[in-house]
Structure formats: structure tokens, C-alpha cells
Amino acid sequence: MSGIIIFPIVLIYIFAAFLIYKLVLRNTNKKFLSMMIFIGILTFPFWDLIIQKGIKTIFEVSGVLEPKIYAYPEKDENGMIESLSLVKVKYLPKDLILNDEISIHRQLKRIVKDFYETSVYNEKEKFDSSIFRINIDGNSYSYVKEEYSRFRFIVTMDIKLFGLYKIKKYQLIDTKKNILLGDFSEIIFLDTFSNFRQNILLLQTGNGNNMFYVSNIKTDNYYKELMKKLEIIQIGE
């Protein structure tokens, strides 16, 4: 949204807050109360962001999202696991996989015995909803409708605090033994309560996106750390 439109709207809102401050001060003669009301009105459009920022700080400091290990994957005499699925966790470039030009593919070939499955995208960065299976023996590939890997991720979503954020949990399970090997979580902040900012104060970008938001907690390093701790693969990218 153009600053020519946003600036006067925000200015009017601040002026209205100041008028309310003056009225409360004149009627109550309590400067502290009047100032609290003034600050409350000014911060009202951003109340959800303030709470989200506090939540983000708590999660980052506490470390509760970090990977936890409960068991280790079974390997054969050569130190290899049967099969692994990275679907819903990693999107890999299809062309680079087939040309053996991506390090994670080369490393998976050394640790996975039969095949691994992943989500992919093409050279135009379009994501493919199909499951892409790479057979280690012969380096052939195929599209499949569902995952068959012994070791795979289960992803669950849980919305918290009336839609302020959601927790996306990744659990790596051994489907043969039906046990949980490890997990980590991701926090995604939602714009459920952004209507006042966007529709009244018009605090949005030209394409309609939020001008102010709290960024999600990046968890790609958690995925790498989990795989490293489970001694499945060393991921350097």
C-alpha cells in the first residue's frame, strides 16, 4: 500500500489516541492512567505481534523445540539402514538428484541400502506433490502414491492460543518396530488477528501481505542435528 495513503491514516489514529488521552486526563486528573490508556491505544493494532514476539523468545531461549533422541535406527552389518523417507521434511531439486550433483543424495547412497523417498521441485522451482523414490541399486527412480520407507517422518500440526501460532512437529519413526526414534518442532506464527492493521490502518504491502509480522523460528538446523545425532547422515548443506 502506498505511503501516501498509509501516513495520513496512521496520523489520524495517533491524533485520536492523543485526544482520548487528553479527555481521560481532564476527567480523572490521573496522568499515569491516562498515559497507560494512550499507550494501550497506540499498541492495540500490534497486540498479537507483541505476544507472538514474547512466545518466540521463550521458545528460542528454552530450547524445547530442539531435537530429542529416543532410540537409534537399526543398521545391517555394513552400517546401512533399509530405507528412508524425507517426504514433508525436505524438498530436493529433481534434476540435481538424477545427475548426482547434490551432496545429500551422494551421502544417502552411502547409508541407505534399498531406496529413499523425498519431495522434489524442478528447475522452475515448482513443487511436486508426488513422492519421488530413488532406488540406490542402479540409481533408478519412480513416482509412488505413498511412502514405503521403513524410516519416515510423521508430521502433525497443532494450533495454539486461538490461532496466534501453530506447532508443527516432526517425528521420525521406525515403521517396522513401531517406535519413535526422534523428533523436533517448528513454530509458525499466524496472522489471524491482522484485520485491524490491514483493513483499517491499511498497513500492508502492495500485494496485500502484512507489513508487520513475526518471522517463524527456523528449524532446518534442527533437522540436520537430528539426522546427525541418529548417525543416519552427515548433512553439510
C-alpha atoms as a PDB file:
ATOM      1  CA  MET A   1       0.000   0.000   0.000  1.00  0.00           C
ATOM      2  CA  SER A   2       1.267   3.451  -0.901  1.00  0.00           C
ATOM      3  CA  GLY A   3       2.784   5.527   1.898  1.00  0.00           C
ATOM      4  CA  ILE A   4       0.737   8.497   0.635  1.00  0.00           C
ATOM      5  CA  ILE A   5      -2.395   6.679   1.830  1.00  0.00           C
ATOM      6  CA  ILE A   6      -0.966   4.956   4.921  1.00  0.00           C
ATOM      7  CA  PHE A   7       0.690   8.003   6.503  1.00  0.00           C
ATOM      8  CA  PRO A   8      -2.447  10.184   6.969  1.00  0.00           C
ATOM      9  CA  ILE A   9      -4.461   7.201   8.252  1.00  0.00           C
ATOM     10  CA  VAL A  10      -1.820   6.379  10.870  1.00  0.00           C
ATOM     11  CA  LEU A  11      -1.522  10.081  11.744  1.00  0.00           C
ATOM     12  CA  ILE A  12      -5.285  10.311  12.317  1.00  0.00           C
ATOM     13  CA  TYR A  13      -5.155   7.206  14.519  1.00  0.00           C
ATOM     14  CA  ILE A  14      -2.349   8.691  16.642  1.00  0.00           C
ATOM     15  CA  PHE A  15      -4.205  12.003  16.896  1.00  0.00           C
ATOM     16  CA  ALA A  16      -7.385  10.194  18.029  1.00  0.00           C
ATOM     17  CA  ALA A  17      -5.359   8.334  20.672  1.00  0.00           C
ATOM     18  CA  PHE A  18      -3.922  11.643  21.882  1.00  0.00           C
ATOM     19  CA  LEU A  19      -7.396  13.193  22.117  1.00  0.00           C
ATOM     20  CA  ILE A  20      -8.604  10.259  24.227  1.00  0.00           C
ATOM     21  CA  TYR A  21      -5.522  10.674  26.426  1.00  0.00           C
ATOM     22  CA  LYS A  22      -6.371  14.359  26.964  1.00  0.00           C
ATOM     23  CA  LEU A  23     -10.022  13.623  27.729  1.00  0.00           C
ATOM     24  CA  VAL A  24      -9.168  10.937  30.285  1.00  0.00           C
ATOM     25  CA  LEU A  25      -6.566  13.189  31.870  1.00  0.00           C
ATOM     26  CA  ARG A  26      -9.012  16.096  32.130  1.00  0.00           C
ATOM     27  CA  ASN A  27     -11.790  13.965  33.608  1.00  0.00           C
ATOM     28  CA  THR A  28      -9.688  11.909  36.025  1.00  0.00           C
ATOM     29  CA  ASN A  29      -6.635  14.080  36.583  1.00  0.00           C
ATOM     30  CA  LYS A  30      -4.618  10.858  36.719  1.00  0.00           C
ATOM     31  CA  LYS A  31      -1.630  11.194  34.429  1.00  0.00           C
ATOM     32  CA  PHE A  32      -0.384   7.611  34.845  1.00  0.00           C
ATOM     33  CA  LEU A  33      -3.799   6.118  33.989  1.00  0.00           C
ATOM     34  CA  SER A  34      -4.158   8.460  31.027  1.00  0.00           C
ATOM     35  CA  MET A  35      -0.688   7.539  29.752  1.00  0.00           C
ATOM     36  CA  MET A  36      -1.433   3.805  30.069  1.00  0.00           C
ATOM     37  CA  ILE A  37      -4.618   4.244  28.053  1.00  0.00           C
ATOM     38  CA  PHE A  38      -2.717   6.253  25.436  1.00  0.00           C
ATOM     39  CA  ILE A  39      -0.009   3.564  25.146  1.00  0.00           C
ATOM     40  CA  GLY A  40      -2.675   0.854  25.061  1.00  0.00           C
ATOM     41  CA  ILE A  41      -4.460   2.520  22.135  1.00  0.00           C
ATOM     42  CA  LEU A  42      -1.202   3.012  20.223  1.00  0.00           C
ATOM     43  CA  THR A  43      -0.105  -0.613  20.687  1.00  0.00           C
ATOM     44  CA  PHE A  44      -3.575  -2.149  20.189  1.00  0.00           C
ATOM     45  CA  PRO A  45      -3.074  -2.793  16.433  1.00  0.00           C
ATOM     46  CA  PHE A  46       0.061  -4.779  17.271  1.00  0.00           C
ATOM     47  CA  TRP A  47      -1.059  -6.675  20.382  1.00  0.00           C
ATOM     48  CA  ASP A  48      -0.866 -10.048  18.639  1.00  0.00           C
ATOM     49  CA  LEU A  49       2.652  -9.327  17.358  1.00  0.00           C
ATOM     50  CA  ILE A  50       3.794  -8.368  20.858  1.00  0.00           C
ATOM     51  CA  ILE A  51       2.519 -11.681  22.248  1.00  0.00           C
ATOM     52  CA  GLN A  52       3.995 -13.627  19.327  1.00  0.00           C
ATOM     53  CA  LYS A  53       7.384 -11.984  19.867  1.00  0.00           C
ATOM     54  CA  GLY A  54       7.269 -12.989  23.539  1.00  0.00           C
ATOM     55  CA  ILE A  55       6.342 -16.569  22.599  1.00  0.00           C
ATOM     56  CA  LYS A  56       9.176 -16.712  20.081  1.00  0.00           C
ATOM     57  CA  THR A  57      11.694 -15.504  22.663  1.00  0.00           C
ATOM     58  CA  ILE A  58      10.537 -18.110  25.199  1.00  0.00           C
ATOM     59  CA  PHE A  59      10.818 -20.974  22.712  1.00  0.00           C
ATOM     60  CA  GLU A  60      14.227 -19.857  21.485  1.00  0.00           C
ATOM     61  CA  VAL A  61      15.654 -19.456  24.984  1.00  0.00           C
ATOM     62  CA  SER A  62      14.115 -22.630  26.461  1.00  0.00           C
ATOM     63  CA  GLY A  63      15.300 -24.947  23.658  1.00  0.00           C
ATOM     64  CA  VAL A  64      12.128 -27.065  23.811  1.00  0.00           C
ATOM     65  CA  LEU A  65      11.971 -27.209  20.013  1.00  0.00           C
ATOM     66  CA  GLU A  66      15.416 -28.753  19.639  1.00  0.00           C
ATOM     67  CA  PRO A  67      15.833 -32.371  18.501  1.00  0.00           C
ATOM     68  CA  LYS A  68      15.307 -35.145  21.031  1.00  0.00           C
ATOM     69  CA  ILE A  69      16.592 -38.688  20.579  1.00  0.00           C
ATOM     70  CA  TYR A  70      14.700 -41.710  21.962  1.00  0.00           C
ATOM     71  CA  ALA A  71      16.235 -44.627  20.042  1.00  0.00           C
ATOM     72  CA  TYR A  72      18.678 -45.341  17.227  1.00  0.00           C
ATOM     73  CA  PRO A  73      17.847 -46.869  13.820  1.00  0.00           C
ATOM     74  CA  GLU A  74      18.687 -50.493  13.194  1.00  0.00           C
ATOM     75  CA  LYS A  75      21.519 -50.995  10.690  1.00  0.00           C
ATOM     76  CA  ASP A  76      22.886 -54.041   8.882  1.00  0.00           C
ATOM     77  CA  GLU A  77      26.435 -55.393   9.168  1.00  0.00           C
ATOM     78  CA  ASN A  78      27.615 -52.725   6.731  1.00  0.00           C
ATOM     79  CA  GLY A  79      26.178 -49.917   8.812  1.00  0.00           C
ATOM     80  CA  MET A  80      23.320 -49.201   6.412  1.00  0.00           C
ATOM     81  CA  ILE A  81      19.608 -48.642   7.053  1.00  0.00           C
ATOM     82  CA  GLU A  82      16.947 -50.255   4.863  1.00  0.00           C
ATOM     83  CA  SER A  83      15.118 -47.219   3.518  1.00  0.00           C
ATOM     84  CA  LEU A  84      14.429 -43.617   4.472  1.00  0.00           C
ATOM     85  CA  SER A  85      11.751 -41.057   3.634  1.00  0.00           C
ATOM     86  CA  LEU A  86      12.335 -37.308   3.731  1.00  0.00           C
ATOM     87  CA  VAL A  87       8.847 -36.503   2.420  1.00  0.00           C
ATOM     88  CA  LYS A  88       7.283 -33.425   4.077  1.00  0.00           C
ATOM     89  CA  VAL A  89      10.666 -32.512   5.531  1.00  0.00           C
ATOM     90  CA  LYS A  90      12.986 -31.853   2.585  1.00  0.00           C
ATOM     91  CA  TYR A  91      12.355 -30.672  -0.968  1.00  0.00           C
ATOM     92  CA  LEU A  92      15.271 -31.602  -3.209  1.00  0.00           C
ATOM     93  CA  PRO A  93      15.990 -30.468  -6.784  1.00  0.00           C
ATOM     94  CA  LYS A  94      14.951 -33.345  -9.030  1.00  0.00           C
ATOM     95  CA  ASP A  95      17.456 -32.702 -11.815  1.00  0.00           C
ATOM     96  CA  LEU A  96      20.425 -32.475  -9.456  1.00  0.00           C
ATOM     97  CA  ILE A  97      19.432 -35.728  -7.759  1.00  0.00           C
ATOM     98  CA  LEU A  98      19.402 -37.599 -11.055  1.00  0.00           C
ATOM     99  CA  ASN A  99      22.748 -36.102 -12.072  1.00  0.00           C
ATOM    100  CA  ASP A 100      24.301 -36.993  -8.722  1.00  0.00           C
ATOM    101  CA  GLU A 101      25.150 -33.316  -8.178  1.00  0.00           C
ATOM    102  CA  ILE A 102      23.735 -32.799  -4.696  1.00  0.00           C
ATOM    103  CA  SER A 103      25.675 -33.801  -1.592  1.00  0.00           C
ATOM    104  CA  ILE A 104      22.723 -35.142   0.397  1.00  0.00           C
ATOM    105  CA  HIS A 105      21.989 -37.598  -2.438  1.00  0.00           C
ATOM    106  CA  ARG A 106      25.576 -38.846  -2.501  1.00  0.00           C
ATOM    107  CA  GLN A 107      25.591 -39.259   1.268  1.00  0.00           C
ATOM    108  CA  LEU A 108      22.257 -41.073   1.301  1.00  0.00           C
ATOM    109  CA  LYS A 109      23.634 -43.568  -1.208  1.00  0.00           C
ATOM    110  CA  ARG A 110      26.314 -44.463   1.325  1.00  0.00           C
ATOM    111  CA  ILE A 111      23.932 -45.008   4.257  1.00  0.00           C
ATOM    112  CA  VAL A 112      20.659 -46.251   2.679  1.00  0.00           C
ATOM    113  CA  LYS A 113      20.629 -49.813   1.367  1.00  0.00           C
ATOM    114  CA  ASP A 114      17.476 -50.057  -0.787  1.00  0.00           C
ATOM    115  CA  PHE A 115      15.878 -46.678  -1.568  1.00  0.00           C
ATOM    116  CA  TYR A 116      14.948 -43.293  -0.189  1.00  0.00           C
ATOM    117  CA  GLU A 117      11.897 -41.124  -0.820  1.00  0.00           C
ATOM    118  CA  THR A 118      11.642 -37.355  -0.934  1.00  0.00           C
ATOM    119  CA  SER A 119       9.606 -34.404  -2.132  1.00  0.00           C
ATOM    120  CA  VAL A 120      11.107 -32.645  -5.147  1.00  0.00           C
ATOM    121  CA  TYR A 121      10.954 -29.469  -7.185  1.00  0.00           C
ATOM    122  CA  ASN A 122      12.023 -28.861 -10.791  1.00  0.00           C
ATOM    123  CA  GLU A 123      14.309 -26.279 -12.365  1.00  0.00           C
ATOM    124  CA  LYS A 124      11.484 -23.704 -12.327  1.00  0.00           C
ATOM    125  CA  GLU A 125      11.203 -24.214  -8.548  1.00  0.00           C
ATOM    126  CA  LYS A 126       7.736 -25.690  -8.862  1.00  0.00           C
ATOM    127  CA  PHE A 127       6.998 -28.103  -6.042  1.00  0.00           C
ATOM    128  CA  ASP A 128       5.779 -31.571  -6.919  1.00  0.00           C
ATOM    129  CA  SER A 129       3.176 -33.077  -4.608  1.00  0.00           C
ATOM    130  CA  SER A 130       4.107 -36.607  -5.700  1.00  0.00           C
ATOM    131  CA  ILE A 131       6.512 -38.818  -3.793  1.00  0.00           C
ATOM    132  CA  PHE A 132       9.809 -39.317  -5.589  1.00  0.00           C
ATOM    133  CA  ARG A 133      11.600 -42.612  -4.889  1.00  0.00           C
ATOM    134  CA  ILE A 134      15.261 -43.114  -5.737  1.00  0.00           C
ATOM    135  CA  ASN A 135      16.443 -46.725  -5.852  1.00  0.00           C
ATOM    136  CA  ILE A 136      20.030 -46.974  -4.687  1.00  0.00           C
ATOM    137  CA  ASP A 137      20.778 -50.104  -6.719  1.00  0.00           C
ATOM    138  CA  GLY A 138      21.037 -48.860 -10.293  1.00  0.00           C
ATOM    139  CA  ASN A 139      20.217 -45.272  -9.270  1.00  0.00           C
ATOM    140  CA  SER A 140      16.788 -45.522 -10.919  1.00  0.00           C
ATOM    141  CA  TYR A 141      13.742 -43.570  -9.800  1.00  0.00           C
ATOM    142  CA  SER A 142       9.951 -43.654  -9.872  1.00  0.00           C
ATOM    143  CA  TYR A 143       6.928 -41.747  -8.604  1.00  0.00           C
ATOM    144  CA  VAL A 144       4.842 -43.520  -5.963  1.00  0.00           C
ATOM    145  CA  LYS A 145       1.498 -42.691  -4.386  1.00  0.00           C
ATOM    146  CA  GLU A 146       2.508 -43.369  -0.782  1.00  0.00           C
ATOM    147  CA  GLU A 147       5.588 -43.812   1.353  1.00  0.00           C
ATOM    148  CA  TYR A 148       7.043 -47.286   1.811  1.00  0.00           C
ATOM    149  CA  SER A 149      10.279 -46.453   3.616  1.00  0.00           C
ATOM    150  CA  ARG A 150      10.932 -48.169   6.916  1.00  0.00           C
ATOM    151  CA  PHE A 151      12.159 -44.925   8.487  1.00  0.00           C
ATOM    152  CA  ARG A 152       9.891 -41.974   7.814  1.00  0.00           C
ATOM    153  CA  PHE A 153       8.691 -38.704   9.281  1.00  0.00           C
ATOM    154  CA  ILE A 154       5.223 -38.191  10.686  1.00  0.00           C
ATOM    155  CA  VAL A 155       4.214 -34.506  10.647  1.00  0.00           C
ATOM    156  CA  THR A 156       1.456 -33.163  12.894  1.00  0.00           C
ATOM    157  CA  MET A 157       0.044 -29.659  13.320  1.00  0.00           C
ATOM    158  CA  ASP A 158      -1.479 -28.136  16.458  1.00  0.00           C
ATOM    159  CA  ILE A 159      -2.947 -24.603  16.545  1.00  0.00           C
ATOM    160  CA  LYS A 160      -2.343 -22.745  19.827  1.00  0.00           C
ATOM    161  CA  LEU A 161      -3.648 -19.638  21.634  1.00  0.00           C
ATOM    162  CA  PHE A 162      -6.764 -19.176  19.494  1.00  0.00           C
ATOM    163  CA  GLY A 163      -4.751 -19.072  16.285  1.00  0.00           C
ATOM    164  CA  LEU A 164      -1.779 -16.915  17.278  1.00  0.00           C
ATOM    165  CA  TYR A 165       0.629 -19.679  16.256  1.00  0.00           C
ATOM    166  CA  LYS A 166       0.843 -23.353  15.443  1.00  0.00           C
ATOM    167  CA  ILE A 167       3.327 -26.045  16.349  1.00  0.00           C
ATOM    168  CA  LYS A 168       4.467 -28.293  13.521  1.00  0.00           C
ATOM    169  CA  LYS A 169       6.003 -31.442  14.961  1.00  0.00           C
ATOM    170  CA  TYR A 170       8.276 -33.785  13.017  1.00  0.00           C
ATOM    171  CA  GLN A 171       8.619 -37.336  14.372  1.00  0.00           C
ATOM    172  CA  LEU A 172      10.994 -39.863  12.802  1.00  0.00           C
ATOM    173  CA  ILE A 173       9.618 -43.361  13.334  1.00  0.00           C
ATOM    174  CA  ASP A 174      10.702 -46.930  12.624  1.00  0.00           C
ATOM    175  CA  THR A 175       7.584 -48.358  10.978  1.00  0.00           C
ATOM    176  CA  LYS A 176       8.841 -51.951  11.299  1.00  0.00           C
ATOM    177  CA  LYS A 177       9.278 -51.826  15.066  1.00  0.00           C
ATOM    178  CA  ASN A 178       6.695 -49.052  15.526  1.00  0.00           C
ATOM    179  CA  ILE A 179       8.967 -46.934  17.706  1.00  0.00           C
ATOM    180  CA  LEU A 180       9.803 -43.252  17.814  1.00  0.00           C
ATOM    181  CA  LEU A 181      13.460 -42.507  17.080  1.00  0.00           C
ATOM    182  CA  GLY A 182      13.496 -38.743  17.498  1.00  0.00           C
ATOM    183  CA  ASP A 183      11.597 -35.524  16.947  1.00  0.00           C
ATOM    184  CA  PHE A 184      11.805 -31.749  16.689  1.00  0.00           C
ATOM    185  CA  SER A 185       9.250 -28.957  16.312  1.00  0.00           C
ATOM    186  CA  GLU A 186       8.708 -25.807  14.288  1.00  0.00           C
ATOM    187  CA  ILE A 187       6.752 -22.711  15.328  1.00  0.00           C
ATOM    188  CA  ILE A 188       4.707 -20.955  12.642  1.00  0.00           C
ATOM    189  CA  PHE A 189       3.172 -17.591  13.529  1.00  0.00           C
ATOM    190  CA  LEU A 190      -0.224 -16.830  12.002  1.00  0.00           C
ATOM    191  CA  ASP A 191      -1.871 -13.546  11.012  1.00  0.00           C
ATOM    192  CA  THR A 192      -5.273 -14.473  12.443  1.00  0.00           C
ATOM    193  CA  PHE A 193      -5.712 -11.091  14.144  1.00  0.00           C
ATOM    194  CA  SER A 194      -4.256  -8.794  11.491  1.00  0.00           C
ATOM    195  CA  ASN A 195      -7.573  -7.480  10.135  1.00  0.00           C
ATOM    196  CA  PHE A 196      -7.412  -4.165  12.020  1.00  0.00           C
ATOM    197  CA  ARG A 197      -3.875  -3.452  10.790  1.00  0.00           C
ATOM    198  CA  GLN A 198      -4.617  -4.440   7.219  1.00  0.00           C
ATOM    199  CA  ASN A 199      -8.196  -3.299   6.668  1.00  0.00           C
ATOM    200  CA  ILE A 200      -8.439  -0.220   8.918  1.00  0.00           C
ATOM    201  CA  LEU A 201      -4.900   1.177   9.127  1.00  0.00           C
ATOM    202  CA  LEU A 202      -4.033  -0.304   5.713  1.00  0.00           C
ATOM    203  CA  LEU A 203      -0.637  -1.465   6.970  1.00  0.00           C
ATOM    204  CA  GLN A 204       0.011  -3.879   4.148  1.00  0.00           C
ATOM    205  CA  THR A 205       2.292  -4.165   1.163  1.00  0.00           C
ATOM    206  CA  GLY A 206       1.223  -3.504  -2.408  1.00  0.00           C
ATOM    207  CA  ASN A 207       0.427  -7.191  -2.973  1.00  0.00           C
ATOM    208  CA  GLY A 208      -1.741  -7.408   0.155  1.00  0.00           C
ATOM    209  CA  ASN A 209       0.752  -9.037   2.526  1.00  0.00           C
ATOM    210  CA  ASN A 210       1.306  -7.982   6.115  1.00  0.00           C
ATOM    211  CA  MET A 211       3.711  -5.082   6.530  1.00  0.00           C
ATOM    212  CA  PHE A 212       4.445  -6.161  10.112  1.00  0.00           C
ATOM    213  CA  TYR A 213       4.827  -9.778  11.216  1.00  0.00           C
ATOM    214  CA  VAL A 214       6.869 -12.069  13.456  1.00  0.00           C
ATOM    215  CA  SER A 215       9.103 -14.423  11.479  1.00  0.00           C
ATOM    216  CA  ASN A 216       8.894 -18.167  12.100  1.00  0.00           C
ATOM    217  CA  ILE A 217      11.582 -19.968  14.065  1.00  0.00           C
ATOM    218  CA  LYS A 218      13.939 -21.542  11.546  1.00  0.00           C
ATOM    219  CA  THR A 219      14.282 -25.275  12.178  1.00  0.00           C
ATOM    220  CA  ASP A 220      16.355 -26.503   9.238  1.00  0.00           C
ATOM    221  CA  ASN A 221      19.333 -26.823  11.555  1.00  0.00           C
ATOM    222  CA  TYR A 222      17.178 -28.940  13.897  1.00  0.00           C
ATOM    223  CA  TYR A 223      16.542 -31.408  11.083  1.00  0.00           C
ATOM    224  CA  LYS A 224      20.257 -31.614  10.326  1.00  0.00           C
ATOM    225  CA  GLU A 225      21.090 -32.028  14.013  1.00  0.00           C
ATOM    226  CA  LEU A 226      18.534 -34.805  14.438  1.00  0.00           C
ATOM    227  CA  MET A 227      19.915 -36.765  11.496  1.00  0.00           C
ATOM    228  CA  LYS A 228      23.440 -36.261  12.756  1.00  0.00           C
ATOM    229  CA  LYS A 229      22.625 -37.409  16.292  1.00  0.00           C
ATOM    230  CA  LEU A 230      20.883 -40.509  14.939  1.00  0.00           C
ATOM    231  CA  GLU A 231      24.020 -41.250  12.914  1.00  0.00           C
ATOM    232  CA  ILE A 232      21.957 -41.528   9.771  1.00  0.00           C
ATOM    233  CA  ILE A 233      23.730 -38.938   7.677  1.00  0.00           C
ATOM    234  CA  GLN A 234      26.102 -36.015   7.907  1.00  0.00           C
ATOM    235  CA  ILE A 235      24.436 -33.112   6.142  1.00  0.00           C
ATOM    236  CA  GLY A 236      26.689 -30.275   5.209  1.00  0.00           C
ATOM    237  CA  GLU A 237      24.270 -28.088   3.280  1.00  0.00           C
END
